[in-house]
């Protein structure tokens, strides 16, 4: 549940958030750190896909994608909504895969966060590892997940265009 790409503020996100707060109240700080790291993946992925696969996206998507990384730094996932709405059967699974990898890395390596927070504002509050190592794991996991999702976004978009007989721009 926590590894889903935050579902852009919807009911799954609320359930994940409630689960994380409940775990935090019971002394388990790993789920919230996982949740906070995963929240950056979709925004970073979209920006990366636009940067490295620009020719597979229309002008409007390119403009939106240029800015989503800033939202991601603050743990705001909504920048990915236009992409998910436009092509949900390719975009959402791509984001889920990268998010799952991010969540698995953070959880497996035992990084915790005992205060609700989001994005890079949480870096100084991480625990479970020495602070510098925790930050590298936590932010690095988000980058790794974003790279995986970015790759999948580009590959699936390229395949969609090829199937439709449309040439990349």
N, C-alpha and C. Protein backbone atom coordinates (compact mmCIF):
# COMPACT_ATOMS: atom_id res chain seq x y z
N UNK A 1 0.82 -1.18 0.00
CA UNK A 1 0.00 0.00 0.00
C UNK A 1 0.87 1.25 0.00
N UNK A 2 1.88 1.31 0.78
CA UNK A 2 2.70 2.51 0.89
C UNK A 2 3.49 2.75 -0.39
N UNK A 3 3.74 1.74 -1.19
CA UNK A 3 4.59 1.90 -2.35
C UNK A 3 3.85 2.35 -3.59
N UNK A 4 2.54 2.47 -3.55
CA UNK A 4 1.80 2.99 -4.69
C UNK A 4 2.20 4.45 -4.89
N UNK A 5 2.19 4.95 -6.12
CA UNK A 5 2.74 6.29 -6.36
C UNK A 5 1.91 7.43 -5.81
N UNK A 6 1.45 7.30 -4.62
CA UNK A 6 0.73 8.33 -3.88
C UNK A 6 -0.62 8.69 -4.46
N UNK A 7 -1.00 8.14 -5.56
CA UNK A 7 -2.28 8.34 -6.23
C UNK A 7 -2.77 9.77 -6.23
N UNK A 8 -1.88 10.70 -6.21
CA UNK A 8 -2.21 12.09 -6.44
C UNK A 8 -3.31 12.61 -5.51
N UNK A 9 -3.23 12.30 -4.26
CA UNK A 9 -4.13 12.86 -3.26
C UNK A 9 -5.46 12.14 -3.11
N UNK A 10 -5.63 11.02 -3.75
CA UNK A 10 -6.89 10.29 -3.69
C UNK A 10 -7.00 9.37 -2.49
N UNK A 11 -7.97 8.46 -2.53
CA UNK A 11 -8.24 7.61 -1.38
C UNK A 11 -7.11 6.64 -1.02
N UNK A 12 -6.39 6.15 -1.99
CA UNK A 12 -5.27 5.25 -1.68
C UNK A 12 -4.18 6.03 -0.95
N UNK A 13 -3.93 7.25 -1.38
CA UNK A 13 -2.96 8.12 -0.71
C UNK A 13 -3.38 8.36 0.74
N UNK A 14 -4.66 8.65 0.94
CA UNK A 14 -5.15 8.91 2.30
C UNK A 14 -5.00 7.67 3.17
N UNK A 15 -5.29 6.51 2.61
CA UNK A 15 -5.15 5.27 3.37
C UNK A 15 -3.67 5.01 3.71
N UNK A 16 -2.79 5.25 2.75
CA UNK A 16 -1.36 5.06 3.00
C UNK A 16 -0.88 6.04 4.07
N UNK A 17 -1.32 7.26 3.98
CA UNK A 17 -0.94 8.28 4.96
C UNK A 17 -1.43 7.89 6.36
N UNK A 18 -2.68 7.44 6.46
CA UNK A 18 -3.22 7.03 7.75
C UNK A 18 -2.45 5.83 8.30
N UNK A 19 -2.11 4.89 7.43
CA UNK A 19 -1.32 3.73 7.86
C UNK A 19 0.03 4.19 8.40
N UNK A 20 0.67 5.09 7.68
CA UNK A 20 1.99 5.59 8.10
C UNK A 20 1.91 6.32 9.44
N UNK A 21 0.89 7.13 9.61
CA UNK A 21 0.72 7.84 10.89
C UNK A 21 0.45 6.86 12.02
N UNK A 22 -0.35 5.84 11.74
CA UNK A 22 -0.61 4.81 12.75
C UNK A 22 0.66 4.06 13.13
N UNK A 23 1.45 3.72 12.12
CA UNK A 23 2.72 3.05 12.39
C UNK A 23 3.64 3.96 13.20
N UNK A 24 3.67 5.24 12.83
CA UNK A 24 4.50 6.22 13.54
C UNK A 24 4.07 6.32 15.01
N UNK A 25 2.77 6.34 15.25
CA UNK A 25 2.25 6.44 16.61
C UNK A 25 2.64 5.22 17.45
N UNK A 26 2.90 4.11 16.76
CA UNK A 26 3.30 2.88 17.45
C UNK A 26 4.80 2.65 17.41
N UNK A 27 5.56 3.68 17.05
CA UNK A 27 7.01 3.60 17.10
C UNK A 27 7.69 3.03 15.88
N UNK A 28 6.95 2.78 14.80
CA UNK A 28 7.55 2.27 13.56
C UNK A 28 7.64 3.44 12.58
N UNK A 29 8.85 3.94 12.36
CA UNK A 29 9.05 5.15 11.57
C UNK A 29 9.44 4.86 10.12
N UNK A 30 9.63 3.61 9.78
CA UNK A 30 10.04 3.24 8.42
C UNK A 30 8.93 3.49 7.39
N UNK A 31 7.66 3.14 7.65
CA UNK A 31 6.64 3.38 6.62
C UNK A 31 6.53 4.83 6.18
N UNK A 32 6.64 5.77 7.10
CA UNK A 32 6.51 7.17 6.68
C UNK A 32 7.72 7.62 5.86
N UNK A 33 8.90 7.16 6.20
CA UNK A 33 10.08 7.50 5.39
C UNK A 33 9.91 6.94 3.99
N UNK A 34 9.38 5.74 3.90
CA UNK A 34 9.12 5.13 2.60
C UNK A 34 8.11 5.96 1.81
N UNK A 35 7.03 6.30 2.46
CA UNK A 35 5.97 7.11 1.85
C UNK A 35 6.51 8.44 1.33
N UNK A 36 7.30 9.11 2.16
CA UNK A 36 7.84 10.43 1.78
C UNK A 36 8.81 10.32 0.61
N UNK A 37 9.60 9.27 0.57
CA UNK A 37 10.54 9.09 -0.54
C UNK A 37 9.80 8.77 -1.83
N UNK A 38 8.81 7.89 -1.74
CA UNK A 38 8.04 7.49 -2.91
C UNK A 38 7.30 8.67 -3.52
N UNK A 39 6.90 9.64 -2.70
CA UNK A 39 6.15 10.78 -3.21
C UNK A 39 6.93 11.60 -4.23
N UNK A 40 8.23 11.47 -4.26
CA UNK A 40 9.04 12.24 -5.22
C UNK A 40 9.16 11.55 -6.58
N UNK A 41 8.91 10.25 -6.62
CA UNK A 41 9.20 9.45 -7.81
C UNK A 41 8.41 9.89 -9.04
N UNK A 42 7.11 10.07 -8.92
CA UNK A 42 6.32 10.37 -10.12
C UNK A 42 6.73 11.69 -10.76
N UNK A 43 6.96 12.70 -9.95
CA UNK A 43 7.35 14.00 -10.50
C UNK A 43 8.73 13.94 -11.16
N UNK A 44 9.67 13.31 -10.51
CA UNK A 44 11.01 13.17 -11.09
C UNK A 44 10.97 12.35 -12.37
N UNK A 45 10.14 11.31 -12.40
CA UNK A 45 10.03 10.44 -13.57
C UNK A 45 9.53 11.18 -14.79
N UNK A 46 8.50 11.98 -14.58
CA UNK A 46 7.91 12.74 -15.68
C UNK A 46 8.92 13.73 -16.25
N UNK A 47 9.61 14.44 -15.37
CA UNK A 47 10.62 15.39 -15.85
C UNK A 47 11.72 14.66 -16.61
N UNK A 48 12.19 13.55 -16.08
CA UNK A 48 13.23 12.78 -16.75
C UNK A 48 12.78 12.28 -18.11
N UNK A 49 11.55 11.79 -18.18
CA UNK A 49 11.03 11.29 -19.47
C UNK A 49 10.98 12.41 -20.50
N UNK A 50 10.59 13.60 -20.07
CA UNK A 50 10.55 14.74 -20.98
C UNK A 50 11.97 15.13 -21.41
N UNK A 51 12.90 15.12 -20.48
CA UNK A 51 14.27 15.50 -20.81
C UNK A 51 14.93 14.54 -21.78
N UNK A 52 14.73 13.23 -21.57
CA UNK A 52 15.45 12.23 -22.36
C UNK A 52 14.62 11.61 -23.48
N UNK A 53 13.32 11.87 -23.50
CA UNK A 53 12.47 11.32 -24.55
C UNK A 53 11.50 12.37 -25.07
N UNK A 54 12.00 13.59 -25.16
CA UNK A 54 11.17 14.74 -25.54
C UNK A 54 10.35 14.48 -26.80
N UNK A 55 10.94 13.80 -27.76
CA UNK A 55 10.29 13.58 -29.05
C UNK A 55 9.03 12.71 -28.95
N UNK A 56 8.84 12.03 -27.82
CA UNK A 56 7.68 11.16 -27.65
C UNK A 56 6.50 11.85 -26.95
N UNK A 57 6.66 13.12 -26.65
CA UNK A 57 5.63 13.85 -25.91
C UNK A 57 5.23 15.11 -26.66
N UNK A 58 3.96 15.48 -26.53
CA UNK A 58 3.49 16.69 -27.22
C UNK A 58 3.96 17.94 -26.47
N UNK A 59 3.74 19.08 -27.08
CA UNK A 59 4.23 20.36 -26.51
C UNK A 59 3.67 20.63 -25.11
N UNK A 60 2.39 20.38 -24.92
CA UNK A 60 1.78 20.62 -23.60
C UNK A 60 2.43 19.73 -22.55
N UNK A 61 2.63 18.46 -22.86
CA UNK A 61 3.28 17.55 -21.92
C UNK A 61 4.71 18.00 -21.63
N UNK A 62 5.39 18.47 -22.66
CA UNK A 62 6.76 18.94 -22.47
C UNK A 62 6.81 20.12 -21.51
N UNK A 63 5.88 21.05 -21.64
CA UNK A 63 5.86 22.22 -20.75
C UNK A 63 5.56 21.81 -19.31
N UNK A 64 4.60 20.93 -19.14
CA UNK A 64 4.27 20.45 -17.79
C UNK A 64 5.44 19.69 -17.20
N UNK A 65 6.03 18.81 -17.98
CA UNK A 65 7.12 17.96 -17.51
C UNK A 65 8.37 18.71 -17.09
N UNK A 66 8.59 19.87 -17.68
CA UNK A 66 9.77 20.67 -17.32
C UNK A 66 9.72 21.12 -15.87
N UNK A 67 8.54 21.24 -15.31
CA UNK A 67 8.37 21.84 -13.99
C UNK A 67 8.07 20.84 -12.88
N UNK A 68 7.73 19.63 -13.21
CA UNK A 68 7.27 18.70 -12.18
C UNK A 68 8.36 18.32 -11.18
N UNK A 69 9.61 18.39 -11.56
CA UNK A 69 10.68 18.02 -10.63
C UNK A 69 10.69 18.93 -9.41
N UNK A 70 10.33 20.20 -9.61
CA UNK A 70 10.27 21.13 -8.49
C UNK A 70 9.20 20.69 -7.50
N UNK A 71 8.05 20.29 -8.02
CA UNK A 71 7.00 19.77 -7.16
C UNK A 71 7.48 18.52 -6.43
N UNK A 72 8.19 17.67 -7.13
CA UNK A 72 8.71 16.44 -6.53
C UNK A 72 9.63 16.71 -5.35
N UNK A 73 10.44 17.75 -5.45
CA UNK A 73 11.32 18.08 -4.33
C UNK A 73 10.53 18.37 -3.06
N UNK A 74 9.32 18.85 -3.21
CA UNK A 74 8.47 19.14 -2.06
C UNK A 74 7.53 17.98 -1.74
N UNK A 75 7.66 16.86 -2.47
CA UNK A 75 6.80 15.71 -2.23
C UNK A 75 5.40 15.88 -2.79
N UNK A 76 5.27 16.70 -3.81
CA UNK A 76 3.97 16.95 -4.44
C UNK A 76 3.90 16.14 -5.74
N UNK A 77 2.94 15.24 -5.82
CA UNK A 77 2.86 14.32 -6.95
C UNK A 77 1.95 14.79 -8.08
N UNK A 78 1.18 15.83 -7.85
CA UNK A 78 0.15 16.22 -8.81
C UNK A 78 0.65 16.58 -10.20
N UNK A 79 1.91 16.90 -10.37
CA UNK A 79 2.44 17.21 -11.68
C UNK A 79 2.35 16.05 -12.66
N UNK A 80 2.21 14.84 -12.15
CA UNK A 80 2.10 13.67 -13.02
C UNK A 80 0.67 13.38 -13.47
N UNK A 81 -0.29 14.08 -12.89
CA UNK A 81 -1.71 13.80 -13.21
C UNK A 81 -2.02 13.91 -14.70
N UNK A 82 -1.61 14.99 -15.39
CA UNK A 82 -1.96 15.07 -16.81
C UNK A 82 -1.42 13.88 -17.62
N UNK A 83 -0.28 13.35 -17.25
CA UNK A 83 0.29 12.21 -17.95
C UNK A 83 -0.53 10.95 -17.67
N UNK A 84 -0.89 10.77 -16.41
CA UNK A 84 -1.67 9.60 -16.03
C UNK A 84 -3.08 9.63 -16.62
N UNK A 85 -3.68 10.79 -16.66
CA UNK A 85 -5.02 10.93 -17.24
C UNK A 85 -4.98 10.67 -18.75
N UNK A 86 -3.93 11.15 -19.39
CA UNK A 86 -3.81 10.99 -20.83
C UNK A 86 -3.49 9.58 -21.30
N UNK A 87 -2.88 8.80 -20.45
CA UNK A 87 -2.47 7.44 -20.84
C UNK A 87 -2.34 6.56 -19.59
N UNK A 88 -3.45 6.32 -18.89
CA UNK A 88 -3.37 5.64 -17.59
C UNK A 88 -2.82 4.22 -17.64
N UNK A 89 -3.06 3.49 -18.72
CA UNK A 89 -2.63 2.09 -18.77
C UNK A 89 -1.13 1.93 -18.99
N UNK A 90 -0.46 2.98 -19.36
CA UNK A 90 1.00 2.94 -19.50
C UNK A 90 1.69 3.72 -18.38
N UNK A 91 1.16 4.89 -18.07
CA UNK A 91 1.81 5.77 -17.11
C UNK A 91 1.72 5.22 -15.69
N UNK A 92 0.53 4.86 -15.25
CA UNK A 92 0.38 4.43 -13.86
C UNK A 92 1.22 3.19 -13.55
N UNK A 93 1.20 2.13 -14.37
CA UNK A 93 2.08 0.99 -14.07
C UNK A 93 3.57 1.37 -14.07
N UNK A 94 3.95 2.27 -14.96
CA UNK A 94 5.35 2.71 -14.99
C UNK A 94 5.74 3.38 -13.67
N UNK A 95 4.85 4.20 -13.15
CA UNK A 95 5.13 4.88 -11.89
C UNK A 95 5.08 3.93 -10.70
N UNK A 96 4.21 2.94 -10.77
CA UNK A 96 4.12 1.96 -9.68
C UNK A 96 5.41 1.17 -9.56
N UNK A 97 5.98 0.76 -10.68
CA UNK A 97 7.21 -0.04 -10.64
C UNK A 97 8.34 0.75 -9.98
N UNK A 98 8.58 1.96 -10.42
CA UNK A 98 9.64 2.78 -9.82
C UNK A 98 9.38 3.08 -8.36
N UNK A 99 8.11 3.35 -8.03
CA UNK A 99 7.75 3.63 -6.64
C UNK A 99 7.96 2.41 -5.76
N UNK A 100 7.63 1.25 -6.26
CA UNK A 100 7.83 0.02 -5.49
C UNK A 100 9.31 -0.22 -5.20
N UNK A 101 10.15 0.03 -6.18
CA UNK A 101 11.59 -0.13 -5.98
C UNK A 101 12.09 0.87 -4.93
N UNK A 102 11.64 2.11 -5.04
CA UNK A 102 12.02 3.13 -4.06
C UNK A 102 11.61 2.71 -2.66
N UNK A 103 10.36 2.34 -2.51
CA UNK A 103 9.86 1.93 -1.20
C UNK A 103 10.61 0.74 -0.64
N UNK A 104 10.91 -0.22 -1.49
CA UNK A 104 11.63 -1.41 -1.04
C UNK A 104 13.03 -1.06 -0.54
N UNK A 105 13.72 -0.19 -1.25
CA UNK A 105 15.07 0.21 -0.84
C UNK A 105 15.05 0.91 0.51
N UNK A 106 14.17 1.88 0.66
CA UNK A 106 14.10 2.65 1.91
C UNK A 106 13.73 1.73 3.08
N UNK A 107 12.73 0.90 2.87
CA UNK A 107 12.28 0.01 3.95
C UNK A 107 13.34 -1.04 4.28
N UNK A 108 13.92 -1.65 3.26
CA UNK A 108 14.91 -2.70 3.49
C UNK A 108 16.13 -2.17 4.24
N UNK A 109 16.53 -0.95 3.94
CA UNK A 109 17.72 -0.38 4.57
C UNK A 109 17.40 0.36 5.88
N UNK A 110 16.14 0.30 6.30
CA UNK A 110 15.76 0.74 7.62
C UNK A 110 15.81 2.23 7.89
N UNK A 111 15.54 3.03 6.88
CA UNK A 111 15.50 4.48 7.08
C UNK A 111 14.12 4.84 7.63
N UNK A 112 14.09 5.64 8.67
CA UNK A 112 12.83 6.04 9.29
C UNK A 112 12.66 7.54 9.31
N UNK A 113 11.44 7.95 9.52
CA UNK A 113 11.11 9.37 9.63
C UNK A 113 10.02 9.48 10.69
N UNK A 114 10.33 10.14 11.80
CA UNK A 114 9.38 10.16 12.92
C UNK A 114 8.51 11.41 13.00
N UNK A 115 8.56 12.22 11.96
CA UNK A 115 7.74 13.43 11.89
C UNK A 115 7.13 13.49 10.49
N UNK A 116 5.81 13.74 10.39
CA UNK A 116 5.25 13.87 9.05
C UNK A 116 5.93 15.03 8.31
N UNK A 117 6.34 14.76 7.14
CA UNK A 117 7.02 15.76 6.32
C UNK A 117 7.00 15.30 4.88
N UNK A 118 7.58 16.07 4.03
CA UNK A 118 7.58 15.69 2.62
C UNK A 118 8.79 16.26 1.90
N UNK A 119 9.18 15.56 0.87
CA UNK A 119 10.25 16.03 0.01
C UNK A 119 11.56 16.26 0.75
N UNK A 120 12.36 17.11 0.17
CA UNK A 120 13.70 17.34 0.72
C UNK A 120 13.67 18.00 2.09
N UNK A 121 12.51 18.51 2.48
CA UNK A 121 12.38 19.11 3.80
C UNK A 121 12.53 18.06 4.90
N UNK A 122 12.43 16.80 4.54
CA UNK A 122 12.54 15.71 5.51
C UNK A 122 13.97 15.23 5.71
N UNK A 123 14.89 15.64 4.88
CA UNK A 123 16.25 15.10 4.93
C UNK A 123 16.90 15.17 6.30
N UNK A 124 16.77 16.27 6.99
CA UNK A 124 17.44 16.44 8.28
C UNK A 124 16.76 15.66 9.41
N UNK A 125 15.61 15.08 9.14
CA UNK A 125 14.86 14.39 10.19
C UNK A 125 14.91 12.87 10.08
N UNK A 126 15.64 12.36 9.11
CA UNK A 126 15.70 10.92 8.90
C UNK A 126 16.46 10.24 10.03
N UNK A 127 16.14 8.97 10.25
CA UNK A 127 16.82 8.21 11.29
C UNK A 127 16.95 6.75 10.86
N UNK A 128 17.55 5.96 11.72
CA UNK A 128 17.74 4.54 11.43
C UNK A 128 19.13 4.23 10.88
N UNK A 129 19.78 5.24 10.36
CA UNK A 129 21.14 5.16 9.83
C UNK A 129 21.80 6.48 10.23
N UNK A 130 23.13 6.56 10.17
CA UNK A 130 23.74 7.89 10.36
C UNK A 130 23.11 8.87 9.37
N UNK A 131 22.93 10.10 9.78
CA UNK A 131 22.12 11.07 9.04
C UNK A 131 22.53 11.22 7.57
N UNK A 132 23.81 11.30 7.30
CA UNK A 132 24.25 11.45 5.92
C UNK A 132 23.92 10.21 5.10
N UNK A 133 24.17 9.04 5.67
CA UNK A 133 23.85 7.79 4.99
C UNK A 133 22.34 7.66 4.78
N UNK A 134 21.56 8.01 5.80
CA UNK A 134 20.10 7.95 5.68
C UNK A 134 19.62 8.85 4.54
N UNK A 135 20.18 10.04 4.44
CA UNK A 135 19.80 10.96 3.38
C UNK A 135 20.15 10.43 2.00
N UNK A 136 21.34 9.85 1.89
CA UNK A 136 21.76 9.28 0.60
C UNK A 136 20.85 8.12 0.22
N UNK A 137 20.54 7.26 1.17
CA UNK A 137 19.65 6.12 0.88
C UNK A 137 18.27 6.62 0.48
N UNK A 138 17.72 7.52 1.28
CA UNK A 138 16.36 8.00 1.09
C UNK A 138 16.18 8.76 -0.23
N UNK A 139 17.06 9.72 -0.49
CA UNK A 139 16.96 10.48 -1.72
C UNK A 139 17.45 9.65 -2.92
N UNK A 140 18.50 8.87 -2.71
CA UNK A 140 19.01 8.00 -3.77
C UNK A 140 17.98 6.99 -4.23
N UNK A 141 17.20 6.45 -3.28
CA UNK A 141 16.14 5.50 -3.64
C UNK A 141 15.09 6.18 -4.51
N UNK A 142 14.77 7.43 -4.21
CA UNK A 142 13.81 8.17 -5.04
C UNK A 142 14.35 8.37 -6.45
N UNK A 143 15.64 8.66 -6.55
CA UNK A 143 16.26 8.84 -7.88
C UNK A 143 16.28 7.52 -8.65
N UNK A 144 16.63 6.44 -7.97
CA UNK A 144 16.65 5.13 -8.63
C UNK A 144 15.26 4.76 -9.13
N UNK A 145 14.27 4.92 -8.27
CA UNK A 145 12.89 4.64 -8.68
C UNK A 145 12.44 5.51 -9.84
N UNK A 146 12.83 6.78 -9.78
CA UNK A 146 12.47 7.71 -10.86
C UNK A 146 13.13 7.31 -12.18
N UNK A 147 14.37 6.88 -12.12
CA UNK A 147 15.05 6.44 -13.35
C UNK A 147 14.36 5.23 -13.96
N UNK A 148 13.94 4.30 -13.11
CA UNK A 148 13.23 3.12 -13.60
C UNK A 148 11.90 3.53 -14.24
N UNK A 149 11.14 4.36 -13.53
CA UNK A 149 9.85 4.81 -14.08
C UNK A 149 10.04 5.64 -15.34
N UNK A 150 11.07 6.48 -15.36
CA UNK A 150 11.36 7.30 -16.54
C UNK A 150 11.62 6.40 -17.75
N UNK A 151 12.45 5.41 -17.57
CA UNK A 151 12.75 4.47 -18.65
C UNK A 151 11.47 3.80 -19.15
N UNK A 152 10.63 3.35 -18.21
CA UNK A 152 9.38 2.70 -18.60
C UNK A 152 8.43 3.67 -19.29
N UNK A 153 8.38 4.91 -18.82
CA UNK A 153 7.53 5.91 -19.48
C UNK A 153 7.96 6.13 -20.92
N UNK A 154 9.24 6.23 -21.15
CA UNK A 154 9.75 6.45 -22.52
C UNK A 154 9.49 5.24 -23.39
N UNK A 155 9.80 4.06 -22.89
CA UNK A 155 9.62 2.84 -23.68
C UNK A 155 8.15 2.62 -24.02
N UNK A 156 7.27 2.80 -23.04
CA UNK A 156 5.84 2.57 -23.32
C UNK A 156 5.27 3.63 -24.25
N UNK A 157 5.72 4.87 -24.11
CA UNK A 157 5.24 5.93 -25.01
C UNK A 157 5.74 5.66 -26.43
N UNK A 158 6.98 5.27 -26.55
CA UNK A 158 7.55 4.96 -27.86
C UNK A 158 6.76 3.82 -28.51
N UNK A 159 6.46 2.79 -27.72
CA UNK A 159 5.68 1.66 -28.23
C UNK A 159 4.28 2.06 -28.65
N UNK A 160 3.65 2.93 -27.87
CA UNK A 160 2.31 3.41 -28.19
C UNK A 160 2.32 4.16 -29.52
N UNK A 161 3.28 5.06 -29.69
CA UNK A 161 3.36 5.83 -30.94
C UNK A 161 3.63 4.93 -32.13
N UNK A 162 4.51 3.96 -31.95
CA UNK A 162 4.84 3.03 -33.03
C UNK A 162 3.59 2.23 -33.41
N UNK A 163 2.85 1.77 -32.41
CA UNK A 163 1.63 1.00 -32.66
C UNK A 163 0.59 1.84 -33.40
N UNK A 164 0.53 3.12 -33.10
CA UNK A 164 -0.42 4.02 -33.77
C UNK A 164 0.10 4.51 -35.12
N UNK A 165 1.33 4.17 -35.46
CA UNK A 165 1.92 4.61 -36.71
C UNK A 165 2.30 6.06 -36.74
N UNK A 166 2.56 6.64 -35.57
CA UNK A 166 2.92 8.04 -35.46
C UNK A 166 4.43 8.15 -35.30
N UNK A 167 5.04 9.03 -36.07
CA UNK A 167 6.47 9.27 -35.96
C UNK A 167 6.77 10.18 -34.77
N UNK A 168 7.84 9.91 -34.05
CA UNK A 168 8.26 10.79 -32.95
C UNK A 168 8.64 12.13 -33.55
N UNK A 169 8.41 13.19 -32.77
CA UNK A 169 8.71 14.56 -33.24
C UNK A 169 10.18 14.84 -33.25
